[in-house]
Structures are given as C-alpha cells and as structure tokens.
C-alpha cells in the first residue's frame, strides 16, 4: 500500500463525533427550560452505575472534581498521605494537594503503565490513608495485589479511572474495587465536554458525596457540611446519555483498530506495542507504544515523521509529575526514584485508535510507522 501524502485527509489522534440522538437529547433539555442538574443527570448516573457494576454513581462537573470530592468524602486531609503514580495527568496530583494531604509517588509497570504493587507497598508509611492507582490508556491496574495491599494496611482505594470507562479486571469493572473517579472530557471514550463521575457501592459515602457536591446542602438552605458546587448540568448529561447505547460498539471498533495496529507493527525494531494483559478487558482510550534503543528514530522523530504524513500522535505524558518544579519543590510532595516511569515518559507515543477511524485510516497509520522505523 502506498504511503499517504502530506496533503491527504488528516488522521487525528482523537475525534469527537456526536450523532443526531445527542442533538435531540440536548434540544430536549434546552426546550425544557431546566438546564441545571435534574432528571437527565439522575438517568445518566443510573446508567453509568450499571456500566460500572456499582450501586451508586454521583455525577460531578469534571474528572478533577471527581477525584477531589472522592478524597474529601473519605475524610482525607492534612496529615494524610496518598500513594499514587507520577506517570499521570496532573489532575491526579492536584486533587490530593487540594485536600492538604501529602503525595507519595510509587513506580509503575511498563506492561500496563499503571502503579506497580511492589513499589506501592514500599511507599506505604504510617500516615498513608489512600492508595490511588491510575488506570491509564484504557486498561486497569493490577487490582488483585493492589486491593490486597489496601486491605492489609487499612487504606481507602480510590481508582483514577478517568480513561477506563467500562474496562474490566477479571469479573469486575473499573471503578468497582473502591471509589472510582471518571472523566468525560471532550476526548474521552465517553464525553460530555466537561464532566465527571464517582462510583461506589458504599451507601453512606454516596450520600455524603451528593451533599458535598451541592454546597453541603441536602435541601435548599439546609447545610450539613462545608461543601462545593461540583454539580453536573442536565445539558452535559444530555450529551453523555445517548452515547451509552452505542458504547459497546464503539469499544469494539477501538479493539479492532488496536488489534490491527499490533498485527502490523509487532516485530518492528525498537518498537514495543501495548499489551492486553491476562484477565483484563482494554477499552483503548489510547494506543501507546514505546520507542526503545534499537529503533531507527526516537519518539519525537517518529511523531514528526507521522506529522509529515498528516497523521496525528500524542505524548501522554512527556514528563513525570515530579519533574515540574511546582511539584518537585512542593512541601506536600514526596519525590521517590521511579525508574520505570521515567523510562516510559521518555519513550512513549500514542497513535490514533479512536472509533471514528476507518480501516484505511488504520492502514495509513501502520504504513507510516513501518516506513519510518524499517
């Protein structure tokens, strides 16, 4: 197959396409005159709880507030420590710092890009109260040993599942092991533009979170706690709800694209393709490869070569959270040596895998990568 020319139709790293069902759902809310949190949010919560295999889903304004609210709802605050990954979007870290707790970084596994249980165990000290794995790129962390680690030390388990809607570990969905925190940012597998969700099967915690997100009110002007405005609007829920009906099909397209990329790219010198680990169901938010020593070019070179062919790519993430001075020098950030995370951050590149691609797009991506690295 001939390589695409620079003037060819772009193949972006992500595409947002919403259908007529979403338009009708939004129009229904606009015509109702009720734009704030209401019936659409409640329905979205119920449907998302079913997807995640939990009793409760609490909709909030975005994924960052989901993390912050979950921690606050669990009573996390000054003097507490949260063990998490340095290889993540910075919202993970910001949420912990917003509570006044301390961040302790553990290393990751290069196989799933998620928290390594043995390294996490090394970072659990006397003040640790929360273990926060990050389910990165659409695959869960290794939850059996992480769940056991949390149980052994009496830790709350908070899952940063922003990229893992519907991902599964053995028989359970992401967000069902402890308290799950999801994002519906514009480029996520499920999107509301901005939005988030907290999942739990703890009745007491769910009630507390619903009051917390509503300025601490159970009923109007009846304040039970210091709260925040973390509410989702009915307009946002109206965008997300119709997508749930076709979400299984969307994920299957992503899986088909990922399988084809792996088939085409496996064996290229210096290119490590992502794995679907045993017992896990990947939802392929990103298809992330690693460029290793024998590769014909580094990841920046490959990104540039793809750009010349009008093919998008993304570096998620180019640096560890602890590499930025505002975090490295922060009194509530405990920096540790995380060599695997550092190696991954230096060599990772994500290729297009989203559901809006067609088969020709996937072949173009594979052709361009193969030509650059052969």
Protein backbone atom coordinates (compact mmCIF):
# COMPACT_ATOMS: atom_id res chain seq x y z
CA UNK A 1 0.00 0.00 0.00
CA UNK A 2 1.36 3.42 -0.96
CA UNK A 3 2.20 5.88 1.75
CA UNK A 4 -0.19 8.78 2.26
CA UNK A 5 0.97 12.18 1.06
CA UNK A 6 1.20 15.22 3.27
CA UNK A 7 -1.91 16.67 1.62
CA UNK A 8 -4.05 13.62 2.41
CA UNK A 9 -7.05 13.77 4.73
CA UNK A 10 -5.78 14.16 8.31
CA UNK A 11 -5.85 11.22 10.71
CA UNK A 12 -6.11 12.97 14.09
CA UNK A 13 -5.12 11.46 17.42
CA UNK A 14 -8.71 11.98 18.59
CA UNK A 15 -12.02 12.97 17.01
CA UNK A 16 -15.31 13.99 18.62
CA UNK A 17 -18.36 12.95 16.59
CA UNK A 18 -21.80 13.17 18.15
CA UNK A 19 -24.88 11.87 16.36
CA UNK A 20 -28.48 13.01 15.95
CA UNK A 21 -29.51 11.23 19.16
CA UNK A 22 -27.21 13.57 21.11
CA UNK A 23 -28.61 16.60 19.28
CA UNK A 24 -32.17 15.52 20.12
CA UNK A 25 -31.26 14.89 23.76
CA UNK A 26 -29.67 18.34 24.13
CA UNK A 27 -32.58 20.01 22.36
CA UNK A 28 -34.99 18.31 24.75
CA UNK A 29 -33.16 19.88 27.70
CA UNK A 30 -32.98 23.30 26.04
CA UNK A 31 -36.72 23.27 25.38
CA UNK A 32 -37.49 22.08 28.91
CA UNK A 33 -36.02 25.21 30.42
CA UNK A 34 -34.29 23.13 33.11
CA UNK A 35 -30.57 23.33 32.34
CA UNK A 36 -29.04 22.65 35.76
CA UNK A 37 -28.75 19.27 37.50
CA UNK A 38 -32.01 17.38 37.11
CA UNK A 39 -33.64 14.32 35.58
CA UNK A 40 -31.04 13.83 32.84
CA UNK A 41 -28.23 13.75 35.40
CA UNK A 42 -30.13 11.22 37.51
CA UNK A 43 -30.66 8.96 34.48
CA UNK A 44 -27.02 9.29 33.44
CA UNK A 45 -25.95 8.32 36.96
CA UNK A 46 -28.16 5.23 36.95
CA UNK A 47 -26.93 4.08 33.54
CA UNK A 48 -23.28 4.66 34.41
CA UNK A 49 -23.64 2.76 37.68
CA UNK A 50 -24.91 -0.19 35.64
CA UNK A 51 -21.92 0.05 33.28
CA UNK A 52 -19.55 0.08 36.24
CA UNK A 53 -21.24 -2.65 38.27
CA UNK A 54 -21.81 -0.48 41.36
CA UNK A 55 -24.73 0.68 43.46
CA UNK A 56 -24.15 4.40 43.08
CA UNK A 57 -22.77 6.86 40.54
CA UNK A 58 -22.52 10.52 41.51
CA UNK A 59 -22.16 12.97 38.62
CA UNK A 60 -19.90 15.98 39.05
CA UNK A 61 -18.59 18.87 36.98
CA UNK A 62 -15.37 17.23 35.73
CA UNK A 63 -12.88 14.45 36.36
CA UNK A 64 -10.68 16.60 38.58
CA UNK A 65 -13.55 17.39 40.93
CA UNK A 66 -14.44 13.69 40.95
CA UNK A 67 -11.02 12.92 42.41
CA UNK A 68 -11.08 15.82 44.86
CA UNK A 69 -14.64 15.10 46.02
CA UNK A 70 -13.89 11.39 46.48
CA UNK A 71 -10.93 12.18 48.72
CA UNK A 72 -12.85 14.81 50.70
CA UNK A 73 -15.79 12.43 51.05
CA UNK A 74 -13.46 9.85 52.58
CA UNK A 75 -12.22 12.44 55.07
CA UNK A 76 -8.74 12.79 53.59
CA UNK A 77 -6.94 15.93 54.75
CA UNK A 78 -3.77 17.39 56.27
CA UNK A 79 -1.52 14.78 57.84
CA UNK A 80 -2.70 12.02 55.49
CA UNK A 81 -0.67 10.51 52.66
CA UNK A 82 -1.85 9.24 49.28
CA UNK A 83 0.27 6.75 47.31
CA UNK A 84 -0.10 7.16 43.56
CA UNK A 85 1.72 7.23 40.22
CA UNK A 86 3.94 10.03 38.90
CA UNK A 87 3.08 9.00 35.32
CA UNK A 88 -0.38 10.50 35.01
CA UNK A 89 -2.27 13.63 34.04
CA UNK A 90 -1.57 16.22 36.69
CA UNK A 91 -5.18 16.27 37.95
CA UNK A 92 -4.34 13.15 39.97
CA UNK A 93 -1.76 15.09 41.95
CA UNK A 94 -3.71 18.35 42.14
CA UNK A 95 -6.68 16.56 43.69
CA UNK A 96 -4.57 15.20 46.54
CA UNK A 97 -2.92 18.56 47.20
CA UNK A 98 -6.33 20.27 47.21
CA UNK A 99 -7.22 18.27 50.34
CA UNK A 100 -3.99 19.22 52.14
CA UNK A 101 -2.75 15.63 52.09
CA UNK A 102 0.72 14.54 51.01
CA UNK A 103 1.52 12.80 47.72
CA UNK A 104 3.88 9.83 47.73
CA UNK A 105 4.93 8.52 44.33
CA UNK A 106 5.47 4.85 43.55
CA UNK A 107 6.81 3.35 40.32
CA UNK A 108 4.78 1.80 37.51
CA UNK A 109 4.90 -1.32 35.38
CA UNK A 110 5.88 -0.83 31.73
CA UNK A 111 3.40 -3.55 30.76
CA UNK A 112 0.23 -1.70 31.81
CA UNK A 113 1.66 1.79 32.57
CA UNK A 114 -0.05 1.59 35.98
CA UNK A 115 1.00 1.50 39.61
CA UNK A 116 3.39 -1.36 40.41
CA UNK A 117 2.08 -3.15 43.54
CA UNK A 118 5.54 -3.92 44.96
CA UNK A 119 6.70 -0.32 44.56
CA UNK A 120 3.43 0.96 46.02
CA UNK A 121 3.94 -1.27 49.06
CA UNK A 122 7.36 0.34 49.62
CA UNK A 123 5.73 3.79 49.78
CA UNK A 124 3.03 2.90 52.32
CA UNK A 125 4.01 4.51 55.62
CA UNK A 126 2.31 5.16 58.94
CA UNK A 127 0.39 8.15 57.62
CA UNK A 128 -0.83 6.51 54.40
CA UNK A 129 -4.62 6.57 54.14
CA UNK A 130 -5.30 6.16 50.41
CA UNK A 131 -3.93 4.01 47.62
CA UNK A 132 -4.72 5.66 44.28
CA UNK A 133 -3.91 3.56 41.18
CA UNK A 134 -4.36 5.20 37.78
CA UNK A 135 -5.99 3.05 35.09
CA UNK A 136 -4.05 4.50 32.19
CA UNK A 137 -4.89 4.45 28.46
CA UNK A 138 -7.95 2.22 28.89
CA UNK A 139 -6.59 -0.77 30.84
CA UNK A 140 -6.92 -1.27 34.59
CA UNK A 141 -4.03 -1.52 37.00
CA UNK A 142 -3.23 -4.93 38.53
CA UNK A 143 -6.08 -4.78 41.01
CA UNK A 144 -5.80 -8.07 42.94
CA UNK A 145 -2.48 -7.24 44.64
CA UNK A 146 -3.39 -3.56 44.96
CA UNK A 147 -6.69 -4.43 46.63
CA UNK A 148 -4.88 -6.79 48.98
CA UNK A 149 -2.30 -4.09 49.77
CA UNK A 150 -5.08 -1.64 50.65
CA UNK A 151 -6.85 -4.24 52.81
CA UNK A 152 -3.65 -5.21 54.63
CA UNK A 153 -2.87 -1.61 55.61
CA UNK A 154 -6.42 -0.36 56.09
CA UNK A 155 -6.23 2.05 53.16
CA UNK A 156 -9.03 3.55 51.14
CA UNK A 157 -8.78 2.51 47.50
CA UNK A 158 -9.51 5.39 45.09
CA UNK A 159 -9.32 4.48 41.40
CA UNK A 160 -8.36 7.22 38.96
CA UNK A 161 -10.38 5.68 36.14
CA UNK A 162 -10.58 8.82 34.00
CA UNK A 163 -9.56 6.86 30.88
CA UNK A 164 -11.12 3.47 31.66
CA UNK A 165 -14.91 3.65 31.21
CA UNK A 166 -16.07 0.04 31.13
CA UNK A 167 -12.59 -1.52 31.34
CA UNK A 168 -12.58 -4.78 33.31
CA UNK A 169 -10.22 -6.71 35.56
CA UNK A 170 -11.31 -10.34 35.75
CA UNK A 171 -15.03 -10.19 36.57
CA UNK A 172 -15.16 -6.60 37.78
CA UNK A 173 -15.32 -3.20 36.11
CA UNK A 174 -13.01 -0.28 36.69
CA UNK A 175 -14.41 1.86 39.46
CA UNK A 176 -15.93 -1.06 41.39
CA UNK A 177 -12.93 -2.02 43.55
CA UNK A 178 -13.03 1.05 45.75
CA UNK A 179 -14.16 4.56 44.85
CA UNK A 180 -13.96 5.14 41.09
CA UNK A 181 -13.33 8.55 39.54
CA UNK A 182 -14.11 9.07 35.84
CA UNK A 183 -13.72 11.96 33.40
CA UNK A 184 -15.99 12.86 30.49
CA UNK A 185 -13.62 15.41 28.98
CA UNK A 186 -14.05 16.05 25.25
CA UNK A 187 -11.53 13.43 24.08
CA UNK A 188 -12.55 10.60 26.43
CA UNK A 189 -14.28 7.44 25.16
CA UNK A 190 -17.49 8.84 26.66
CA UNK A 191 -17.74 12.62 26.64
CA UNK A 192 -19.92 15.41 27.95
CA UNK A 193 -17.37 18.11 27.00
CA UNK A 194 -16.58 18.54 30.68
CA UNK A 195 -17.94 16.25 33.34
CA UNK A 196 -17.06 13.53 35.81
CA UNK A 197 -18.50 10.64 37.79
CA UNK A 198 -17.74 8.99 41.13
CA UNK A 199 -18.70 5.34 41.57
CA UNK A 200 -19.15 3.44 44.82
CA UNK A 201 -21.26 0.73 46.44
CA UNK A 202 -20.97 2.42 49.86
CA UNK A 203 -24.40 3.89 50.66
CA UNK A 204 -23.08 6.25 53.33
CA UNK A 205 -20.28 7.61 51.15
CA UNK A 206 -22.63 8.10 48.19
CA UNK A 207 -25.00 10.13 50.35
CA UNK A 208 -22.13 12.23 51.68
CA UNK A 209 -20.85 12.92 48.15
CA UNK A 210 -24.27 14.04 46.93
CA UNK A 211 -24.47 16.55 49.76
CA UNK A 212 -20.85 17.64 49.30
CA UNK A 213 -21.31 18.40 45.57
CA UNK A 214 -24.36 20.56 46.35
CA UNK A 215 -22.67 23.20 48.53
CA UNK A 216 -23.18 20.95 51.56
CA UNK A 217 -26.98 21.14 51.23
CA UNK A 218 -29.34 18.18 51.48
CA UNK A 219 -32.29 20.51 50.91
CA UNK A 220 -32.23 24.16 49.95
CA UNK A 221 -30.53 26.25 52.66
CA UNK A 222 -30.15 23.23 54.95
CA UNK A 223 -26.36 22.96 55.26
CA UNK A 224 -24.90 19.79 56.74
CA UNK A 225 -21.24 20.23 55.86
CA UNK A 226 -18.80 22.58 54.19
CA UNK A 227 -19.44 21.78 50.55
CA UNK A 228 -18.72 22.87 46.99
CA UNK A 229 -20.54 23.36 43.72
CA UNK A 230 -19.42 20.19 41.95
CA UNK A 231 -22.73 19.62 40.14
CA UNK A 232 -23.12 18.39 36.56
CA UNK A 233 -25.69 20.16 34.36
CA UNK A 234 -28.56 18.43 32.59
CA UNK A 235 -27.10 19.80 29.35
CA UNK A 236 -23.87 17.86 29.95
CA UNK A 237 -25.74 14.69 30.90
CA UNK A 238 -27.86 15.06 27.75
CA UNK A 239 -24.66 14.82 25.69
CA UNK A 240 -23.41 11.73 27.53
CA UNK A 241 -26.58 9.68 27.89
CA UNK A 242 -27.19 8.73 24.23
CA UNK A 243 -23.57 7.62 23.84
CA UNK A 244 -24.09 4.82 26.37
CA UNK A 245 -26.43 2.98 24.00
CA UNK A 246 -23.66 2.52 21.43
CA UNK A 247 -20.70 2.37 23.77
CA UNK A 248 -20.11 -1.38 23.40
CA UNK A 249 -19.90 -0.99 19.62
CA UNK A 250 -17.55 1.97 19.95
CA UNK A 251 -15.20 -0.02 22.17
CA UNK A 252 -15.29 -2.96 19.75
CA UNK A 253 -14.15 -0.64 16.94
CA UNK A 254 -11.30 0.58 19.12
CA UNK A 255 -10.33 -3.02 19.91
CA UNK A 256 -10.39 -3.96 16.24
CA UNK A 257 -8.20 -0.98 15.35
CA UNK A 258 -5.77 -1.80 18.18
CA UNK A 259 -5.54 -5.46 17.13
CA UNK A 260 -4.78 -4.45 13.54
CA UNK A 261 -2.11 -1.97 14.64
CA UNK A 262 -0.47 -4.63 16.80
CA UNK A 263 -0.60 -7.12 13.94
CA UNK A 264 1.05 -4.67 11.57
CA UNK A 265 3.60 -3.15 13.96
CA UNK A 266 4.78 -6.13 16.01
CA UNK A 267 8.35 -7.03 15.15
CA UNK A 268 9.47 -3.57 14.06
CA UNK A 269 12.95 -3.00 15.53
CA UNK A 270 12.82 -0.95 18.70
CA UNK A 271 9.03 -0.61 18.83
CA UNK A 272 7.16 -2.13 21.76
CA UNK A 273 3.42 -2.39 21.14
CA UNK A 274 0.94 -2.25 24.06
CA UNK A 275 -0.26 -5.45 25.71
CA UNK A 276 -3.69 -6.59 26.78
CA UNK A 277 -2.75 -8.40 29.96
CA UNK A 278 -4.40 -11.69 31.00
CA UNK A 279 -7.77 -11.29 32.70
CA UNK A 280 -8.21 -7.68 31.57
CA UNK A 281 -10.51 -6.06 29.03
CA UNK A 282 -8.94 -2.97 27.46
CA UNK A 283 -11.13 -0.12 26.17
CA UNK A 284 -8.28 1.54 24.22
CA UNK A 285 -8.54 5.17 25.16
CA UNK A 286 -5.03 5.38 23.71
CA UNK A 287 -2.77 3.01 21.79
CA UNK A 288 0.61 3.75 23.35
CA UNK A 289 3.89 2.36 22.00
CA UNK A 290 7.41 2.63 23.41
CA UNK A 291 10.43 3.54 21.24
CA UNK A 292 13.43 1.62 22.54
CA UNK A 293 17.18 1.69 21.88
CA UNK A 294 17.35 -0.16 18.57
CA UNK A 295 14.61 1.94 16.95
CA UNK A 296 15.57 3.85 13.80
CA UNK A 297 14.47 7.10 15.46
CA UNK A 298 13.29 8.33 18.82
CA UNK A 299 9.68 9.08 19.68
CA UNK A 300 9.97 12.76 18.71
CA UNK A 301 11.37 11.73 15.36
CA UNK A 302 8.51 9.29 14.81
CA UNK A 303 5.95 11.93 15.79
CA UNK A 304 7.50 14.30 13.25
CA UNK A 305 7.51 11.61 10.54
CA UNK A 306 3.83 10.92 11.18
CA UNK A 307 3.00 14.64 11.08
CA UNK A 308 4.58 14.83 7.61
CA UNK A 309 2.02 12.24 6.53
CA UNK A 310 -0.82 14.25 8.13
CA UNK A 311 -1.17 11.67 10.92
CA UNK A 312 -1.61 12.80 14.48
CA UNK A 313 0.06 11.36 17.57
CA UNK A 314 0.31 12.31 21.22
CA UNK A 315 2.81 12.13 24.05
CA UNK A 316 0.95 11.15 27.22
CA UNK A 317 2.94 12.12 29.24
CA UNK A 318 6.28 13.77 28.31
CA UNK A 319 7.43 14.25 31.92
CA UNK A 320 6.72 12.82 35.33
CA UNK A 321 4.63 14.95 37.66
CA UNK A 322 7.63 15.20 39.95
CA UNK A 323 9.76 16.73 37.18
CA UNK A 324 7.93 20.05 37.35
CA UNK A 325 9.38 22.49 39.87
CA UNK A 326 5.97 23.44 41.29
CA UNK A 327 5.52 19.82 42.39
CA UNK A 328 9.12 18.71 42.89
CA UNK A 329 9.65 21.53 45.39
CA UNK A 330 6.19 21.33 46.96
CA UNK A 331 6.27 20.57 50.70
CA UNK A 332 3.43 18.05 50.31
CA UNK A 333 5.07 16.05 47.51
CA UNK A 334 7.39 13.19 48.43
CA UNK A 335 9.58 12.53 45.39
CA UNK A 336 10.92 8.98 45.03
CA UNK A 337 13.05 7.25 42.43
CA UNK A 338 10.71 5.77 39.83
CA UNK A 339 13.00 4.50 37.05
CA UNK A 340 10.37 2.61 35.07
CA UNK A 341 8.04 5.60 34.99
CA UNK A 342 10.94 7.83 33.91
CA UNK A 343 11.87 5.46 31.10
CA UNK A 344 8.30 5.24 29.87
CA UNK A 345 7.82 9.02 29.92
CA UNK A 346 10.93 9.43 27.78
CA UNK A 347 9.90 6.91 25.11
CA UNK A 348 6.08 6.74 24.89
CA UNK A 349 4.00 7.80 21.91
CA UNK A 350 0.27 7.30 21.37
CA UNK A 351 -1.11 6.51 17.90
CA UNK A 352 -4.69 7.04 16.64
CA UNK A 353 -7.05 4.23 17.68
CA UNK A 354 -10.38 6.01 18.19
CA UNK A 355 -13.74 4.79 16.91
CA UNK A 356 -14.03 7.46 14.19
CA UNK A 357 -11.17 5.86 12.23
CA UNK A 358 -11.98 3.62 9.28
CA UNK A 359 -9.91 0.65 8.16
CA UNK A 360 -7.99 2.75 5.61
CA UNK A 361 -7.01 5.21 8.33
CA UNK A 362 -5.60 2.39 10.45
CA UNK A 363 -3.61 1.08 7.48
CA UNK A 364 -2.24 4.56 6.83
CA UNK A 365 -1.03 4.80 10.43
CA UNK A 366 0.59 1.37 10.23
CA UNK A 367 2.19 2.11 6.86
CA UNK A 368 3.65 5.39 8.09
CA UNK A 369 5.07 3.90 11.29
CA UNK A 370 6.51 0.92 9.40
CA UNK A 371 8.14 3.15 6.79
CA UNK A 372 9.70 5.38 9.44
CA UNK A 373 11.12 2.51 11.53
CA UNK A 374 12.00 -0.09 8.88
